[in-house]
Amino acid sequence: MSSRFSLSPGAIFVLSFIYFFGGLSCLAAVILSVTAHEAGHAAAIYALGGRVKGLRFDSTGFCMSGTGVYSAAGEVIILLAGPLSGLAIAYICAKLGDAMANIFLLRTAGISLALTIYNLLPALPLDGGRALCGVLCGLIGKNRCENAMYFMSLTVAAALAVIGICARTTQLGLVLLASSVWLLTVQTGIVKSIRML
């Protein structure tokens, strides 16, 4: 089945917001960073015998759908492949940007690194949280895992809120506050599903 891409009105709002406050260069850097991240997930899915069916972009971010049956280790590999790819593009862009004195590449490196760090936080529905959830599910069982991840996700969201409030006069503070609100909002439904696909 061929891959399908869908873009929601919420996603258009997010992209417009990034363009309005960061300009075209910032928007392009975000798109490049996110594309590299999703390419890492897709590569791992194909490497493990699965298929990517579609990619949806809405106000909460990208969500990849696919087919395939994976072991617990396979799911963790797929989840961590995105951040690993993001880290790789950050390193490459940083090296090239420094060598060429290219502001766009340096901006892309910074954005990709920031998105990678954020995605690795141990909170649902971020990749780091989902990978940790997959590991804990095998160690302590699904019910205890869901409870533990719910608590951990709330803790991470609260920590981001506190840091954001302390740095509220900076752009980083506002981003952290927005991230904490989003994480708190999604907790009611996300813990009902631990599997990625």
C-alpha atoms as a PDB file:
ATOM      1  CA  MET A   1       0.000   0.000   0.000  1.00  0.00           C
ATOM      2  CA  SER A   2       1.319   3.418  -0.912  1.00  0.00           C
ATOM      3  CA  SER A   3       2.190   5.899   1.777  1.00  0.00           C
ATOM      4  CA  ARG A   4      -0.239   8.732   2.455  1.00  0.00           C
ATOM      5  CA  PHE A   5       0.407  12.132   3.986  1.00  0.00           C
ATOM      6  CA  SER A   6      -2.243  14.271   5.645  1.00  0.00           C
ATOM      7  CA  LEU A   7      -2.004  17.806   7.012  1.00  0.00           C
ATOM      8  CA  SER A   8      -4.624  19.030   9.469  1.00  0.00           C
ATOM      9  CA  PRO A   9      -5.780  22.637  10.018  1.00  0.00           C
ATOM     10  CA  GLY A  10      -4.067  22.468  13.437  1.00  0.00           C
ATOM     11  CA  ALA A  11      -0.773  21.634  11.736  1.00  0.00           C
ATOM     12  CA  ILE A  12      -1.174  24.585   9.379  1.00  0.00           C
ATOM     13  CA  PHE A  13      -1.688  26.806  12.419  1.00  0.00           C
ATOM     14  CA  VAL A  14       1.492  25.457  14.068  1.00  0.00           C
ATOM     15  CA  LEU A  15       3.519  25.986  10.883  1.00  0.00           C
ATOM     16  CA  SER A  16       2.093  29.491  10.491  1.00  0.00           C
ATOM     17  CA  PHE A  17       2.961  30.234  14.111  1.00  0.00           C
ATOM     18  CA  ILE A  18       6.579  29.121  13.570  1.00  0.00           C
ATOM     19  CA  TYR A  19       6.807  31.187  10.377  1.00  0.00           C
ATOM     20  CA  PHE A  20       5.305  34.279  12.029  1.00  0.00           C
ATOM     21  CA  PHE A  21       7.695  34.267  14.991  1.00  0.00           C
ATOM     22  CA  GLY A  22      10.774  32.677  13.402  1.00  0.00           C
ATOM     23  CA  GLY A  23      10.603  33.499   9.717  1.00  0.00           C
ATOM     24  CA  LEU A  24      11.069  31.294   6.677  1.00  0.00           C
ATOM     25  CA  SER A  25      14.553  30.167   7.703  1.00  0.00           C
ATOM     26  CA  CYS A  26      13.325  28.913  11.074  1.00  0.00           C
ATOM     27  CA  LEU A  27      10.351  27.151   9.477  1.00  0.00           C
ATOM     28  CA  ALA A  28      12.625  25.437   6.945  1.00  0.00           C
ATOM     29  CA  ALA A  29      14.999  24.359   9.730  1.00  0.00           C
ATOM     30  CA  VAL A  30      12.117  22.869  11.720  1.00  0.00           C
ATOM     31  CA  ILE A  31      10.789  21.004   8.671  1.00  0.00           C
ATOM     32  CA  LEU A  32      14.251  19.624   7.851  1.00  0.00           C
ATOM     33  CA  SER A  33      14.791  18.514  11.473  1.00  0.00           C
ATOM     34  CA  VAL A  34      11.388  16.843  11.746  1.00  0.00           C
ATOM     35  CA  THR A  35      11.803  15.160   8.355  1.00  0.00           C
ATOM     36  CA  ALA A  36      15.142  13.670   9.432  1.00  0.00           C
ATOM     37  CA  HIS A  37      13.528  12.471  12.675  1.00  0.00           C
ATOM     38  CA  GLU A  38      10.636  10.755  10.888  1.00  0.00           C
ATOM     39  CA  ALA A  39      12.995   9.280   8.295  1.00  0.00           C
ATOM     40  CA  GLY A  40      14.818   7.545  11.144  1.00  0.00           C
ATOM     41  CA  HIS A  41      11.567   5.940  12.328  1.00  0.00           C
ATOM     42  CA  ALA A  42      10.677   4.895   8.781  1.00  0.00           C
ATOM     43  CA  ALA A  43      14.110   3.387   8.125  1.00  0.00           C
ATOM     44  CA  ALA A  44      13.870   1.292  11.299  1.00  0.00           C
ATOM     45  CA  ILE A  45      10.349   0.136  10.401  1.00  0.00           C
ATOM     46  CA  TYR A  46      11.477  -1.036   6.971  1.00  0.00           C
ATOM     47  CA  ALA A  47      14.650  -2.610   8.389  1.00  0.00           C
ATOM     48  CA  LEU A  48      12.508  -4.691  10.751  1.00  0.00           C
ATOM     49  CA  GLY A  49      10.226  -5.877   7.968  1.00  0.00           C
ATOM     50  CA  GLY A  50       7.352  -3.441   8.378  1.00  0.00           C
ATOM     51  CA  ARG A  51       5.789  -0.939   6.013  1.00  0.00           C
ATOM     52  CA  VAL A  52       4.907   2.727   6.457  1.00  0.00           C
ATOM     53  CA  LYS A  53       1.279   3.360   5.485  1.00  0.00           C
ATOM     54  CA  GLY A  54       0.950   7.044   6.188  1.00  0.00           C
ATOM     55  CA  LEU A  55       2.137  10.139   7.973  1.00  0.00           C
ATOM     56  CA  ARG A  56      -0.254  12.521   9.674  1.00  0.00           C
ATOM     57  CA  PHE A  57       0.700  16.005  10.826  1.00  0.00           C
ATOM     58  CA  ASP A  58      -1.677  17.705  13.232  1.00  0.00           C
ATOM     59  CA  SER A  59      -1.417  20.232  16.056  1.00  0.00           C
ATOM     60  CA  THR A  60       0.209  17.631  18.327  1.00  0.00           C
ATOM     61  CA  GLY A  61       2.965  16.769  15.863  1.00  0.00           C
ATOM     62  CA  PHE A  62       3.716  13.940  13.455  1.00  0.00           C
ATOM     63  CA  CYS A  63       2.200  10.483  13.786  1.00  0.00           C
ATOM     64  CA  MET A  64       3.411   7.663  11.565  1.00  0.00           C
ATOM     65  CA  SER A  65       1.187   4.670  10.875  1.00  0.00           C
ATOM     66  CA  GLY A  66       2.360   1.387   9.493  1.00  0.00           C
ATOM     67  CA  THR A  67       2.029  -2.356   9.383  1.00  0.00           C
ATOM     68  CA  GLY A  68       4.227  -4.989  10.935  1.00  0.00           C
ATOM     69  CA  VAL A  69       4.623  -7.168  13.988  1.00  0.00           C
ATOM     70  CA  TYR A  70       7.597  -6.299  16.175  1.00  0.00           C
ATOM     71  CA  SER A  71       9.124  -7.647  19.329  1.00  0.00           C
ATOM     72  CA  ALA A  72       9.348  -5.370  22.364  1.00  0.00           C
ATOM     73  CA  ALA A  73      12.993  -4.718  21.475  1.00  0.00           C
ATOM     74  CA  GLY A  74      11.979  -3.962  17.886  1.00  0.00           C
ATOM     75  CA  GLU A  75       9.462  -1.358  19.009  1.00  0.00           C
ATOM     76  CA  VAL A  76      12.067   0.307  21.224  1.00  0.00           C
ATOM     77  CA  ILE A  77      14.505   0.372  18.295  1.00  0.00           C
ATOM     78  CA  ILE A  78      11.870   2.007  16.066  1.00  0.00           C
ATOM     79  CA  LEU A  79      11.062   4.597  18.713  1.00  0.00           C
ATOM     80  CA  LEU A  80      14.697   5.517  19.360  1.00  0.00           C
ATOM     81  CA  ALA A  81      15.646   5.564  15.670  1.00  0.00           C
ATOM     82  CA  GLY A  82      13.931   8.938  15.245  1.00  0.00           C
ATOM     83  CA  PRO A  83      15.897  10.759  17.961  1.00  0.00           C
ATOM     84  CA  LEU A  84      19.094   9.040  16.799  1.00  0.00           C
ATOM     85  CA  SER A  85      18.498  10.328  13.276  1.00  0.00           C
ATOM     86  CA  GLY A  86      17.766  13.791  14.681  1.00  0.00           C
ATOM     87  CA  LEU A  87      21.017  13.707  16.622  1.00  0.00           C
ATOM     88  CA  ALA A  88      22.904  12.689  13.475  1.00  0.00           C
ATOM     89  CA  ILE A  89      21.454  15.549  11.412  1.00  0.00           C
ATOM     90  CA  ALA A  90      22.244  17.971  14.236  1.00  0.00           C
ATOM     91  CA  TYR A  91      25.882  16.831  14.260  1.00  0.00           C
ATOM     92  CA  ILE A  92      26.212  16.971  10.462  1.00  0.00           C
ATOM     93  CA  CYS A  93      24.588  20.404  10.212  1.00  0.00           C
ATOM     94  CA  ALA A  94      26.734  21.727  13.066  1.00  0.00           C
ATOM     95  CA  LYS A  95      29.933  20.545  11.406  1.00  0.00           C
ATOM     96  CA  LEU A  96      28.976  21.823   7.954  1.00  0.00           C
ATOM     97  CA  GLY A  97      27.535  25.052   9.327  1.00  0.00           C
ATOM     98  CA  ASP A  98      30.700  25.766  11.272  1.00  0.00           C
ATOM     99  CA  ALA A  99      32.962  24.950   8.331  1.00  0.00           C
ATOM    100  CA  MET A 100      30.899  27.036   5.884  1.00  0.00           C
ATOM    101  CA  ALA A 101      29.828  29.743   8.343  1.00  0.00           C
ATOM    102  CA  ASN A 102      26.251  28.960   7.304  1.00  0.00           C
ATOM    103  CA  ILE A 103      23.642  30.360   9.708  1.00  0.00           C
ATOM    104  CA  PHE A 104      20.830  28.176   8.343  1.00  0.00           C
ATOM    105  CA  LEU A 105      22.755  24.949   8.950  1.00  0.00           C
ATOM    106  CA  LEU A 106      23.731  26.077  12.447  1.00  0.00           C
ATOM    107  CA  ARG A 107      20.098  26.969  13.202  1.00  0.00           C
ATOM    108  CA  THR A 108      18.993  23.564  11.903  1.00  0.00           C
ATOM    109  CA  ALA A 109      21.587  21.878  14.121  1.00  0.00           C
ATOM    110  CA  GLY A 110      20.314  23.711  17.187  1.00  0.00           C
ATOM    111  CA  ILE A 111      16.651  23.027  16.453  1.00  0.00           C
ATOM    112  CA  SER A 112      17.298  19.363  15.688  1.00  0.00           C
ATOM    113  CA  LEU A 113      19.280  18.947  18.906  1.00  0.00           C
ATOM    114  CA  ALA A 114      16.553  20.653  20.945  1.00  0.00           C
ATOM    115  CA  LEU A 115      13.823  18.495  19.383  1.00  0.00           C
ATOM    116  CA  THR A 116      15.900  15.361  19.994  1.00  0.00           C
ATOM    117  CA  ILE A 117      16.429  16.174  23.666  1.00  0.00           C
ATOM    118  CA  TYR A 118      12.737  16.981  24.085  1.00  0.00           C
ATOM    119  CA  ASN A 119      11.664  13.763  22.339  1.00  0.00           C
ATOM    120  CA  LEU A 120      13.870  11.694  24.635  1.00  0.00           C
ATOM    121  CA  LEU A 121      12.190  12.954  27.818  1.00  0.00           C
ATOM    122  CA  PRO A 122      10.605  10.074  29.792  1.00  0.00           C
ATOM    123  CA  ALA A 123       7.034  11.229  29.212  1.00  0.00           C
ATOM    124  CA  LEU A 124       4.188  10.005  27.024  1.00  0.00           C
ATOM    125  CA  PRO A 125       3.601  10.423  24.118  1.00  0.00           C
ATOM    126  CA  LEU A 126       7.223  11.375  23.408  1.00  0.00           C
ATOM    127  CA  ASP A 127       9.567   8.775  21.917  1.00  0.00           C
ATOM    128  CA  GLY A 128      11.610   8.524  25.108  1.00  0.00           C
ATOM    129  CA  GLY A 129       8.496   7.912  27.191  1.00  0.00           C
ATOM    130  CA  ARG A 130       7.115   5.341  24.789  1.00  0.00           C
ATOM    131  CA  ALA A 131      10.441   3.498  24.622  1.00  0.00           C
ATOM    132  CA  LEU A 132      10.674   3.464  28.423  1.00  0.00           C
ATOM    133  CA  CYS A 133       7.068   2.304  28.575  1.00  0.00           C
ATOM    134  CA  GLY A 134       7.889  -0.614  26.284  1.00  0.00           C
ATOM    135  CA  VAL A 135      10.766  -1.649  28.547  1.00  0.00           C
ATOM    136  CA  LEU A 136       8.778  -1.261  31.779  1.00  0.00           C
ATOM    137  CA  CYS A 137       5.821  -3.149  30.354  1.00  0.00           C
ATOM    138  CA  GLY A 138       8.003  -6.237  29.973  1.00  0.00           C
ATOM    139  CA  LEU A 139       9.509  -5.823  33.435  1.00  0.00           C
ATOM    140  CA  ILE A 140       6.564  -4.909  35.666  1.00  0.00           C
ATOM    141  CA  GLY A 141       3.463  -5.613  33.588  1.00  0.00           C
ATOM    142  CA  LYS A 142       1.110  -3.428  31.590  1.00  0.00           C
ATOM    143  CA  ASN A 143      -1.061  -2.072  34.421  1.00  0.00           C
ATOM    144  CA  ARG A 144       1.815  -1.074  36.683  1.00  0.00           C
ATOM    145  CA  CYS A 145       3.668   0.325  33.662  1.00  0.00           C
ATOM    146  CA  GLU A 146       0.716   2.551  32.709  1.00  0.00           C
ATOM    147  CA  ASN A 147       0.458   3.883  36.258  1.00  0.00           C
ATOM    148  CA  ALA A 148       4.201   4.504  36.476  1.00  0.00           C
ATOM    149  CA  MET A 149       4.320   6.254  33.099  1.00  0.00           C
ATOM    150  CA  TYR A 150       1.287   8.391  33.919  1.00  0.00           C
ATOM    151  CA  PHE A 151       2.960   9.585  37.104  1.00  0.00           C
ATOM    152  CA  MET A 152       6.301  10.104  35.360  1.00  0.00           C
ATOM    153  CA  SER A 153       4.668  12.024  32.508  1.00  0.00           C
ATOM    154  CA  LEU A 154       2.907  14.335  34.953  1.00  0.00           C
ATOM    155  CA  THR A 155       6.170  14.843  36.831  1.00  0.00           C
ATOM    156  CA  VAL A 156       8.054  15.750  33.646  1.00  0.00           C
ATOM    157  CA  ALA A 157       5.268  18.130  32.592  1.00  0.00           C
ATOM    158  CA  ALA A 158       5.308  19.789  36.012  1.00  0.00           C
ATOM    159  CA  ALA A 159       9.104  20.138  35.897  1.00  0.00           C
ATOM    160  CA  LEU A 160       8.901  21.777  32.453  1.00  0.00           C
ATOM    161  CA  ALA A 161       6.241  24.156  33.791  1.00  0.00           C
ATOM    162  CA  VAL A 162       8.392  25.167  36.767  1.00  0.00           C
ATOM    163  CA  ILE A 163      11.444  25.768  34.561  1.00  0.00           C
ATOM    164  CA  GLY A 164       9.279  27.636  32.063  1.00  0.00           C
ATOM    165  CA  ILE A 165       7.862  29.897  34.769  1.00  0.00           C
ATOM    166  CA  CYS A 166      11.353  30.642  36.089  1.00  0.00           C
ATOM    167  CA  ALA A 167      12.478  31.533  32.552  1.00  0.00           C
ATOM    168  CA  ARG A 168       9.172  33.117  31.469  1.00  0.00           C
ATOM    169  CA  THR A 169      10.819  36.282  30.158  1.00  0.00           C
ATOM    170  CA  THR A 170      12.757  34.285  27.527  1.00  0.00           C
ATOM    171  CA  GLN A 171      11.652  32.425  24.391  1.00  0.00           C
ATOM    172  CA  LEU A 172      12.846  29.170  25.945  1.00  0.00           C
ATOM    173  CA  GLY A 173      10.620  29.732  28.955  1.00  0.00           C
ATOM    174  CA  LEU A 174       7.566  30.230  26.759  1.00  0.00           C
ATOM    175  CA  VAL A 175       8.384  27.097  24.751  1.00  0.00           C
ATOM    176  CA  LEU A 176       8.780  25.037  27.928  1.00  0.00           C
ATOM    177  CA  LEU A 177       5.488  26.354  29.315  1.00  0.00           C
ATOM    178  CA  ALA A 178       3.687  25.467  26.081  1.00  0.00           C
ATOM    179  CA  SER A 179       5.314  22.009  26.101  1.00  0.00           C
ATOM    180  CA  SER A 180       4.233  21.370  29.685  1.00  0.00           C
ATOM    181  CA  VAL A 181       0.632  22.382  28.938  1.00  0.00           C
ATOM    182  CA  TRP A 182       0.592  20.054  25.926  1.00  0.00           C
ATOM    183  CA  LEU A 183       1.998  17.128  27.925  1.00  0.00           C
ATOM    184  CA  LEU A 184      -0.540  17.671  30.699  1.00  0.00           C
ATOM    185  CA  THR A 185      -3.360  17.845  28.166  1.00  0.00           C
ATOM    186  CA  VAL A 186      -2.588  14.574  26.409  1.00  0.00           C
ATOM    187  CA  GLN A 187      -2.153  12.444  29.536  1.00  0.00           C
ATOM    188  CA  THR A 188      -5.831  11.518  29.859  1.00  0.00           C
ATOM    189  CA  GLY A 189      -5.890   9.461  26.685  1.00  0.00           C
ATOM    190  CA  ILE A 190      -2.351   8.520  25.721  1.00  0.00           C
ATOM    191  CA  VAL A 191      -1.737   5.996  28.520  1.00  0.00           C
ATOM    192  CA  LYS A 192      -4.467   3.722  27.160  1.00  0.00           C
ATOM    193  CA  SER A 193      -2.207   2.706  24.279  1.00  0.00           C
ATOM    194  CA  ILE A 194       1.430   1.778  24.738  1.00  0.00           C
ATOM    195  CA  ARG A 195       2.151   0.307  21.329  1.00  0.00           C
ATOM    196  CA  MET A 196       3.486   2.544  18.586  1.00  0.00           C
ATOM    197  CA  LEU A 197       1.602   0.957  15.664  1.00  0.00           C
END
